[in-house]
Amino acid sequence: MHELSLAHSIGEIALGALREQPGEGWHVGSVRVRIGDLSGVDADALTFCFEVVRGEGPETAGASLLIERCPAQARCRDCGMVYELTAEVGGCTSCGAVGRECISGRELEVFGVELLS
């Protein structure tokens, strides 16, 4: 389960943000993460693992993981149409061409850490 190592990394990123904060008494309130549908990350498993990891230190105890899902999207190489990739979609939803460029859905990024005093 690679979600456990990802949860540890997310916790480390949050602690890094905490270390940059001047003063004492701060703790992590929440961590915002983007996960693409094509990233291979199970959001439920990551949430479960983060709940385990957050309890390893007082600075992260009680922190929440807020996940933003990013749908898989492609751009048609023939007509430029952007469309969502699904199991049912074989080609461009506008012109039917199969040549495409994946433009989203592979994301896995921490884009926010909320610190509370």
N, C-alpha and C. Protein backbone atom coordinates (compact mmCIF):
# COMPACT_ATOMS: atom_id res chain seq x y z
N MET A 1 0.85 -1.19 0.00
CA MET A 1 0.00 0.00 0.00
C MET A 1 0.89 1.24 0.00
N HIS A 2 1.02 1.87 -1.16
CA HIS A 2 1.86 3.06 -1.24
C HIS A 2 1.20 4.28 -0.62
N GLU A 3 -0.09 4.21 -0.32
CA GLU A 3 -0.77 5.34 0.31
C GLU A 3 -0.18 5.66 1.68
N LEU A 4 0.35 4.64 2.38
CA LEU A 4 0.96 4.89 3.69
C LEU A 4 2.21 5.75 3.55
N SER A 5 3.05 5.44 2.57
CA SER A 5 4.24 6.27 2.37
C SER A 5 3.85 7.67 1.89
N LEU A 6 2.80 7.76 1.09
CA LEU A 6 2.31 9.08 0.67
C LEU A 6 1.80 9.88 1.86
N ALA A 7 1.08 9.22 2.76
CA ALA A 7 0.57 9.89 3.96
C ALA A 7 1.72 10.40 4.82
N HIS A 8 2.79 9.61 4.94
CA HIS A 8 3.97 10.07 5.69
C HIS A 8 4.58 11.30 5.02
N SER A 9 4.68 11.28 3.70
CA SER A 9 5.24 12.42 2.97
C SER A 9 4.38 13.67 3.14
N ILE A 10 3.07 13.49 3.08
CA ILE A 10 2.15 14.62 3.28
C ILE A 10 2.32 15.18 4.69
N GLY A 11 2.45 14.30 5.67
CA GLY A 11 2.69 14.75 7.04
C GLY A 11 4.00 15.52 7.17
N GLU A 12 5.04 15.07 6.48
CA GLU A 12 6.33 15.77 6.50
C GLU A 12 6.23 17.14 5.85
N ILE A 13 5.47 17.24 4.77
CA ILE A 13 5.26 18.54 4.12
C ILE A 13 4.55 19.49 5.08
N ALA A 14 3.55 18.99 5.78
CA ALA A 14 2.81 19.81 6.74
C ALA A 14 3.72 20.25 7.89
N LEU A 15 4.55 19.33 8.37
CA LEU A 15 5.49 19.69 9.45
C LEU A 15 6.52 20.69 8.96
N GLY A 16 6.91 20.60 7.69
CA GLY A 16 7.83 21.58 7.13
C GLY A 16 7.23 22.98 7.12
N ALA A 17 5.95 23.07 6.77
CA ALA A 17 5.26 24.36 6.81
C ALA A 17 5.17 24.87 8.24
N LEU A 18 4.98 23.96 9.16
CA LEU A 18 4.89 24.33 10.58
C LEU A 18 6.23 24.88 11.09
N ARG A 19 7.31 24.26 10.67
CA ARG A 19 8.65 24.70 11.10
C ARG A 19 8.99 26.09 10.57
N GLU A 20 8.40 26.47 9.45
CA GLU A 20 8.66 27.79 8.88
C GLU A 20 7.88 28.89 9.59
N GLN A 21 6.90 28.51 10.39
CA GLN A 21 6.06 29.47 11.10
C GLN A 21 6.80 29.98 12.34
N PRO A 22 6.97 31.29 12.47
CA PRO A 22 7.65 31.81 13.65
C PRO A 22 6.76 31.67 14.89
N GLY A 23 7.41 31.52 16.00
CA GLY A 23 6.68 31.44 17.27
C GLY A 23 6.38 30.02 17.68
N GLU A 24 5.76 29.90 18.82
CA GLU A 24 5.45 28.60 19.43
C GLU A 24 3.94 28.36 19.43
N GLY A 25 3.56 27.14 19.69
CA GLY A 25 2.16 26.81 19.92
C GLY A 25 1.33 26.56 18.67
N TRP A 26 1.95 26.46 17.52
CA TRP A 26 1.21 26.19 16.29
C TRP A 26 1.03 24.70 16.09
N HIS A 27 -0.06 24.32 15.41
CA HIS A 27 -0.29 22.93 15.02
C HIS A 27 -0.99 22.91 13.66
N VAL A 28 -0.98 21.76 13.03
CA VAL A 28 -1.58 21.61 11.70
C VAL A 28 -3.08 21.39 11.85
N GLY A 29 -3.87 22.23 11.19
CA GLY A 29 -5.33 22.09 11.22
C GLY A 29 -5.83 21.21 10.09
N SER A 30 -5.30 21.47 8.88
CA SER A 30 -5.71 20.67 7.73
C SER A 30 -4.64 20.74 6.65
N VAL A 31 -4.69 19.74 5.78
CA VAL A 31 -3.80 19.68 4.63
C VAL A 31 -4.68 19.46 3.41
N ARG A 32 -4.49 20.30 2.38
CA ARG A 32 -5.27 20.20 1.14
C ARG A 32 -4.42 19.52 0.07
N VAL A 33 -5.01 18.49 -0.55
CA VAL A 33 -4.30 17.68 -1.53
C VAL A 33 -5.15 17.53 -2.79
N ARG A 34 -4.51 17.63 -3.96
CA ARG A 34 -5.17 17.32 -5.23
C ARG A 34 -4.74 15.93 -5.66
N ILE A 35 -5.73 15.10 -6.03
CA ILE A 35 -5.45 13.75 -6.50
C ILE A 35 -6.16 13.54 -7.84
N GLY A 36 -5.39 13.23 -8.86
CA GLY A 36 -5.95 12.99 -10.17
C GLY A 36 -6.51 11.58 -10.29
N ASP A 37 -7.53 11.44 -11.10
CA ASP A 37 -8.16 10.14 -11.30
C ASP A 37 -7.21 9.11 -11.92
N LEU A 38 -6.16 9.57 -12.60
CA LEU A 38 -5.19 8.67 -13.22
C LEU A 38 -3.92 8.51 -12.38
N SER A 39 -3.90 9.05 -11.17
CA SER A 39 -2.69 9.03 -10.35
C SER A 39 -2.40 7.67 -9.73
N GLY A 40 -3.39 6.82 -9.67
CA GLY A 40 -3.19 5.52 -9.04
C GLY A 40 -3.29 5.56 -7.52
N VAL A 41 -3.77 6.67 -6.99
CA VAL A 41 -3.90 6.82 -5.53
C VAL A 41 -5.36 6.61 -5.15
N ASP A 42 -5.58 5.74 -4.17
CA ASP A 42 -6.92 5.50 -3.63
C ASP A 42 -7.17 6.53 -2.54
N ALA A 43 -8.09 7.45 -2.78
CA ALA A 43 -8.35 8.55 -1.85
C ALA A 43 -8.80 8.04 -0.48
N ASP A 44 -9.62 7.00 -0.44
CA ASP A 44 -10.09 6.46 0.85
C ASP A 44 -8.93 5.85 1.62
N ALA A 45 -8.06 5.11 0.93
CA ALA A 45 -6.91 4.51 1.61
C ALA A 45 -5.95 5.58 2.11
N LEU A 46 -5.76 6.65 1.30
CA LEU A 46 -4.89 7.74 1.72
C LEU A 46 -5.45 8.43 2.95
N THR A 47 -6.75 8.66 2.98
CA THR A 47 -7.39 9.29 4.13
C THR A 47 -7.19 8.43 5.38
N PHE A 48 -7.40 7.13 5.25
CA PHE A 48 -7.21 6.21 6.38
C PHE A 48 -5.76 6.26 6.87
N CYS A 49 -4.82 6.19 5.95
CA CYS A 49 -3.41 6.21 6.32
C CYS A 49 -3.02 7.53 6.97
N PHE A 50 -3.56 8.64 6.46
CA PHE A 50 -3.25 9.93 7.05
C PHE A 50 -3.77 10.01 8.48
N GLU A 51 -4.92 9.41 8.75
CA GLU A 51 -5.44 9.40 10.11
C GLU A 51 -4.51 8.66 11.05
N VAL A 52 -3.84 7.63 10.56
CA VAL A 52 -2.86 6.91 11.37
C VAL A 52 -1.62 7.77 11.57
N VAL A 53 -1.11 8.35 10.49
CA VAL A 53 0.12 9.13 10.54
C VAL A 53 -0.03 10.39 11.37
N ARG A 54 -1.17 11.04 11.28
CA ARG A 54 -1.34 12.31 12.00
C ARG A 54 -1.24 12.13 13.51
N GLY A 55 -1.51 10.93 14.00
CA GLY A 55 -1.45 10.67 15.43
C GLY A 55 -0.05 10.44 15.96
N GLU A 56 0.96 10.48 15.08
CA GLU A 56 2.34 10.22 15.50
C GLU A 56 2.99 11.40 16.20
N GLY A 57 2.39 12.56 16.14
CA GLY A 57 2.98 13.72 16.79
C GLY A 57 1.92 14.70 17.23
N PRO A 58 2.19 15.46 18.29
CA PRO A 58 1.18 16.41 18.79
C PRO A 58 0.89 17.55 17.83
N GLU A 59 1.84 17.86 16.94
CA GLU A 59 1.63 18.98 16.01
C GLU A 59 0.62 18.64 14.93
N THR A 60 0.43 17.35 14.64
CA THR A 60 -0.49 16.94 13.58
C THR A 60 -1.71 16.19 14.10
N ALA A 61 -1.75 15.89 15.38
CA ALA A 61 -2.90 15.18 15.94
C ALA A 61 -4.17 15.98 15.68
N GLY A 62 -5.16 15.35 15.12
CA GLY A 62 -6.42 16.03 14.83
C GLY A 62 -6.47 16.74 13.49
N ALA A 63 -5.37 16.75 12.75
CA ALA A 63 -5.36 17.41 11.45
C ALA A 63 -6.26 16.65 10.48
N SER A 64 -6.88 17.38 9.57
CA SER A 64 -7.73 16.72 8.59
C SER A 64 -7.07 16.79 7.21
N LEU A 65 -7.38 15.80 6.40
CA LEU A 65 -6.91 15.75 5.03
C LEU A 65 -8.08 16.09 4.12
N LEU A 66 -7.95 17.16 3.37
CA LEU A 66 -9.01 17.62 2.47
C LEU A 66 -8.57 17.31 1.04
N ILE A 67 -9.32 16.43 0.39
CA ILE A 67 -8.93 15.95 -0.93
C ILE A 67 -9.79 16.58 -2.02
N GLU A 68 -9.11 17.10 -3.02
CA GLU A 68 -9.78 17.63 -4.21
C GLU A 68 -9.47 16.67 -5.36
N ARG A 69 -10.50 16.07 -5.92
CA ARG A 69 -10.33 15.13 -7.03
C ARG A 69 -10.17 15.91 -8.34
N CYS A 70 -9.27 15.45 -9.19
CA CYS A 70 -9.04 16.06 -10.50
C CYS A 70 -9.43 15.04 -11.56
N PRO A 71 -10.45 15.33 -12.35
CA PRO A 71 -10.88 14.38 -13.37
C PRO A 71 -9.83 14.24 -14.47
N ALA A 72 -9.85 13.10 -15.11
CA ALA A 72 -8.96 12.87 -16.26
C ALA A 72 -9.55 13.60 -17.45
N GLN A 73 -8.76 14.48 -18.05
CA GLN A 73 -9.21 15.24 -19.21
C GLN A 73 -8.17 15.14 -20.32
N ALA A 74 -8.67 15.20 -21.54
CA ALA A 74 -7.80 15.13 -22.71
C ALA A 74 -8.14 16.27 -23.67
N ARG A 75 -7.16 16.62 -24.50
CA ARG A 75 -7.37 17.60 -25.56
C ARG A 75 -7.19 16.87 -26.88
N CYS A 76 -8.17 16.98 -27.75
CA CYS A 76 -8.13 16.35 -29.07
C CYS A 76 -7.03 17.00 -29.90
N ARG A 77 -6.20 16.18 -30.51
CA ARG A 77 -5.13 16.71 -31.35
C ARG A 77 -5.63 17.20 -32.70
N ASP A 78 -6.84 16.80 -33.07
CA ASP A 78 -7.39 17.24 -34.36
C ASP A 78 -8.16 18.55 -34.25
N CYS A 79 -9.11 18.62 -33.30
CA CYS A 79 -9.97 19.81 -33.23
C CYS A 79 -9.72 20.69 -32.00
N GLY A 80 -8.92 20.21 -31.03
CA GLY A 80 -8.60 21.01 -29.85
C GLY A 80 -9.63 20.94 -28.73
N MET A 81 -10.69 20.18 -28.91
CA MET A 81 -11.73 20.04 -27.89
C MET A 81 -11.15 19.39 -26.63
N VAL A 82 -11.53 19.93 -25.47
CA VAL A 82 -11.15 19.33 -24.18
C VAL A 82 -12.35 18.53 -23.69
N TYR A 83 -12.09 17.29 -23.32
CA TYR A 83 -13.18 16.42 -22.86
C TYR A 83 -12.69 15.52 -21.75
N GLU A 84 -13.64 15.04 -20.95
CA GLU A 84 -13.32 14.16 -19.83
C GLU A 84 -13.12 12.73 -20.33
N LEU A 85 -12.05 12.12 -19.86
CA LEU A 85 -11.77 10.74 -20.21
C LEU A 85 -12.54 9.81 -19.28
N THR A 86 -13.32 8.95 -19.84
CA THR A 86 -14.03 7.93 -19.08
C THR A 86 -13.89 6.61 -19.81
N ALA A 87 -14.29 5.54 -19.18
CA ALA A 87 -14.21 4.22 -19.80
C ALA A 87 -15.08 4.16 -21.06
N GLU A 88 -16.15 4.95 -21.10
CA GLU A 88 -17.07 4.92 -22.23
C GLU A 88 -16.58 5.75 -23.42
N VAL A 89 -15.66 6.68 -23.19
CA VAL A 89 -15.22 7.59 -24.24
C VAL A 89 -14.04 6.97 -24.98
N GLY A 90 -14.24 6.66 -26.27
CA GLY A 90 -13.18 6.08 -27.07
C GLY A 90 -12.39 7.11 -27.84
N GLY A 91 -13.00 8.25 -28.09
CA GLY A 91 -12.34 9.31 -28.85
C GLY A 91 -12.94 10.65 -28.49
N CYS A 92 -12.58 11.65 -29.27
CA CYS A 92 -13.05 13.01 -29.02
C CYS A 92 -14.58 13.05 -29.06
N THR A 93 -15.15 13.72 -28.11
CA THR A 93 -16.61 13.82 -28.04
C THR A 93 -17.16 14.81 -29.06
N SER A 94 -16.27 15.56 -29.71
CA SER A 94 -16.70 16.51 -30.72
C SER A 94 -16.55 15.96 -32.14
N CYS A 95 -15.33 15.47 -32.46
CA CYS A 95 -15.07 15.03 -33.83
C CYS A 95 -14.83 13.53 -33.98
N GLY A 96 -14.69 12.81 -32.86
CA GLY A 96 -14.51 11.36 -32.89
C GLY A 96 -13.07 10.90 -33.08
N ALA A 97 -12.13 11.81 -33.29
CA ALA A 97 -10.73 11.43 -33.47
C ALA A 97 -10.19 10.78 -32.20
N VAL A 98 -9.21 9.89 -32.35
CA VAL A 98 -8.65 9.19 -31.19
C VAL A 98 -7.32 9.78 -30.74
N GLY A 99 -6.71 10.64 -31.53
CA GLY A 99 -5.46 11.28 -31.12
C GLY A 99 -5.74 12.31 -30.05
N ARG A 100 -5.08 12.15 -28.91
CA ARG A 100 -5.34 13.07 -27.80
C ARG A 100 -4.11 13.24 -26.93
N GLU A 101 -4.15 14.30 -26.15
CA GLU A 101 -3.11 14.61 -25.18
C GLU A 101 -3.77 14.69 -23.81
N CYS A 102 -3.28 13.93 -22.87
CA CYS A 102 -3.82 13.98 -21.50
C CYS A 102 -3.37 15.30 -20.87
N ILE A 103 -4.33 16.11 -20.39
CA ILE A 103 -3.98 17.41 -19.82
C ILE A 103 -4.23 17.48 -18.32
N SER A 104 -4.99 16.53 -17.76
CA SER A 104 -5.16 16.49 -16.31
C SER A 104 -5.59 15.09 -15.89
N GLY A 105 -5.42 14.83 -14.61
CA GLY A 105 -5.80 13.55 -14.05
C GLY A 105 -4.65 12.80 -13.42
N ARG A 106 -3.43 13.30 -13.61
CA ARG A 106 -2.26 12.63 -13.02
C ARG A 106 -1.74 13.35 -11.78
N GLU A 107 -2.43 14.39 -11.37
CA GLU A 107 -1.97 15.23 -10.26
C GLU A 107 -1.88 14.44 -8.94
N LEU A 108 -0.90 14.82 -8.18
CA LEU A 108 -0.79 14.41 -6.78
C LEU A 108 0.05 15.49 -6.12
N GLU A 109 -0.63 16.45 -5.48
CA GLU A 109 0.10 17.58 -4.92
C GLU A 109 -0.56 18.11 -3.66
N VAL A 110 0.28 18.53 -2.74
CA VAL A 110 -0.19 19.27 -1.57
C VAL A 110 -0.23 20.73 -1.99
N PHE A 111 -1.41 21.35 -1.87
CA PHE A 111 -1.50 22.75 -2.30
C PHE A 111 -1.93 23.67 -1.18
N GLY A 112 -2.01 23.17 0.03
CA GLY A 112 -2.34 24.04 1.15
C GLY A 112 -2.18 23.36 2.48
N VAL A 113 -1.65 24.09 3.43
CA VAL A 113 -1.53 23.61 4.81
C VAL A 113 -2.07 24.71 5.71
N GLU A 114 -3.09 24.38 6.47
CA GLU A 114 -3.68 25.33 7.42
C GLU A 114 -3.03 25.12 8.77
N LEU A 115 -2.47 26.19 9.30
CA LEU A 115 -1.85 26.15 10.62
C LEU A 115 -2.70 26.91 11.61
N LEU A 116 -2.86 26.34 12.78
CA LEU A 116 -3.67 26.96 13.84
C LEU A 116 -2.81 27.21 15.06
N SER A 117 -3.14 28.27 15.77
CA SER A 117 -2.39 28.55 17.01
C SER A 117 -3.19 28.14 18.21
